[in-house]
Amino acid sequence: MDNQWKLLVLLLQQIAEQKGLTQQQIAEQTGMIQSAVSRFFSLKFKPTLDTFLQVSKAIKVNFFFEDQEDKTDLNICFEKAMEQLGRRVDKLPKK
């Protein structure tokens, strides 16, 4: 369980490669230096959530939650969480 982060990092690496993005381009988008991006993808250290999300944003990857039991309306949960942060004024469209 402790190594699941490696799968997520490798997934980002594969997506970046498929998009033709270089480590230098990712560095420029994140404000990191290229060697830090290289270390990120080398799996030698567990990245912080902030670093992981910065790289994800640079690669233009979104993540979604799924309720495995299908007992939760995740749109409502997301809307409420965004409202608590003061970042969501208008409601999400109902699907």
Protein backbone atom coordinates (compact mmCIF):
# COMPACT_ATOMS: atom_id res chain seq x y z
CA MET A 1 0.00 0.00 0.00
CA ASP A 2 2.86 2.36 0.76
CA ASN A 3 4.15 2.09 -2.81
CA GLN A 4 0.94 3.04 -4.60
CA TRP A 5 2.32 6.54 -5.07
CA LYS A 6 4.91 5.02 -7.43
CA LEU A 7 2.16 3.80 -9.74
CA LEU A 8 0.65 7.29 -9.85
CA VAL A 9 4.01 8.90 -10.63
CA LEU A 10 4.73 6.33 -13.36
CA LEU A 11 1.27 6.94 -14.80
CA LEU A 12 2.01 10.67 -15.01
CA GLN A 13 5.33 9.88 -16.64
CA GLN A 14 3.65 7.70 -19.28
CA ILE A 15 1.04 10.38 -20.00
CA ALA A 16 3.73 13.05 -20.32
CA GLU A 17 5.69 10.85 -22.71
CA GLN A 18 2.60 10.14 -24.84
CA LYS A 19 1.97 13.89 -25.04
CA GLY A 20 5.59 14.47 -26.04
CA LEU A 21 6.31 16.62 -23.00
CA THR A 22 9.91 16.87 -21.84
CA GLN A 23 11.07 17.15 -18.26
CA GLN A 24 12.26 20.68 -19.10
CA GLN A 25 8.77 21.65 -20.30
CA ILE A 26 7.24 20.23 -17.12
CA ALA A 27 9.83 22.13 -15.07
CA GLU A 28 8.93 25.38 -16.83
CA GLN A 29 5.21 24.83 -16.20
CA THR A 30 5.70 23.99 -12.50
CA GLY A 31 8.49 26.41 -11.63
CA MET A 32 10.63 23.46 -10.60
CA ILE A 33 14.12 22.90 -11.94
CA GLN A 34 14.60 20.10 -14.45
CA SER A 35 16.66 17.99 -12.03
CA ALA A 36 13.77 18.11 -9.52
CA VAL A 37 11.40 16.83 -12.20
CA SER A 38 13.91 14.09 -13.00
CA ARG A 39 14.03 13.11 -9.30
CA PHE A 40 10.23 13.13 -9.21
CA PHE A 41 10.07 10.56 -12.02
CA SER A 42 12.99 8.49 -10.69
CA LEU A 43 10.84 7.17 -7.79
CA LYS A 44 13.72 7.68 -5.34
CA PHE A 45 11.62 9.79 -3.00
CA LYS A 46 7.93 10.06 -2.22
CA PRO A 47 6.70 13.42 -3.55
CA THR A 48 4.52 15.70 -1.52
CA LEU A 49 0.90 16.01 -2.57
CA ASP A 50 1.62 19.59 -3.65
CA THR A 51 4.45 18.48 -5.95
CA PHE A 52 2.35 15.66 -7.38
CA LEU A 53 -0.51 18.05 -8.13
CA GLN A 54 1.83 20.65 -9.67
CA VAL A 55 3.24 18.06 -12.07
CA SER A 56 -0.26 16.76 -12.82
CA LYS A 57 -1.42 20.27 -13.66
CA ALA A 58 1.60 20.84 -15.91
CA ILE A 59 0.80 17.62 -17.78
CA LYS A 60 -2.88 18.67 -17.87
CA VAL A 61 -4.23 15.61 -16.06
CA ASN A 62 -7.42 15.61 -13.98
CA PHE A 63 -8.20 13.12 -11.25
CA PHE A 64 -11.64 11.94 -10.27
CA PHE A 65 -13.09 10.14 -7.29
CA GLU A 66 -15.37 7.17 -7.63
CA ASP A 67 -17.47 5.68 -4.85
CA GLN A 68 -16.86 1.95 -5.12
CA GLU A 69 -20.11 1.28 -3.30
CA ASP A 70 -22.07 3.79 -5.40
CA LYS A 71 -23.73 5.19 -2.27
CA THR A 72 -22.57 8.79 -2.56
CA ASP A 73 -23.47 11.62 -4.91
CA LEU A 74 -19.94 12.84 -5.55
CA ASN A 75 -21.13 15.95 -7.41
CA ILE A 76 -22.90 17.14 -4.26
CA CYS A 77 -19.86 16.31 -2.09
CA PHE A 78 -17.57 18.21 -4.45
CA GLU A 79 -19.92 21.18 -4.57
CA LYS A 80 -20.11 21.35 -0.76
CA ALA A 81 -16.33 21.07 -0.39
CA MET A 82 -15.77 23.88 -2.90
CA GLU A 83 -18.34 26.05 -1.12
CA GLN A 84 -16.54 25.46 2.20
CA LEU A 85 -13.36 26.74 0.56
CA GLY A 86 -15.26 29.74 -0.80
CA ARG A 87 -14.27 28.77 -4.31
CA ARG A 88 -17.64 27.83 -5.73
CA VAL A 89 -20.35 30.43 -5.98
CA ASP A 90 -22.56 28.81 -8.56
CA LYS A 91 -23.84 25.27 -8.32
CA LEU A 92 -22.61 22.44 -10.50
CA PRO A 93 -25.00 21.39 -13.25
CA LYS A 94 -27.04 18.35 -12.31
CA LYS A 95 -26.55 15.33 -14.51
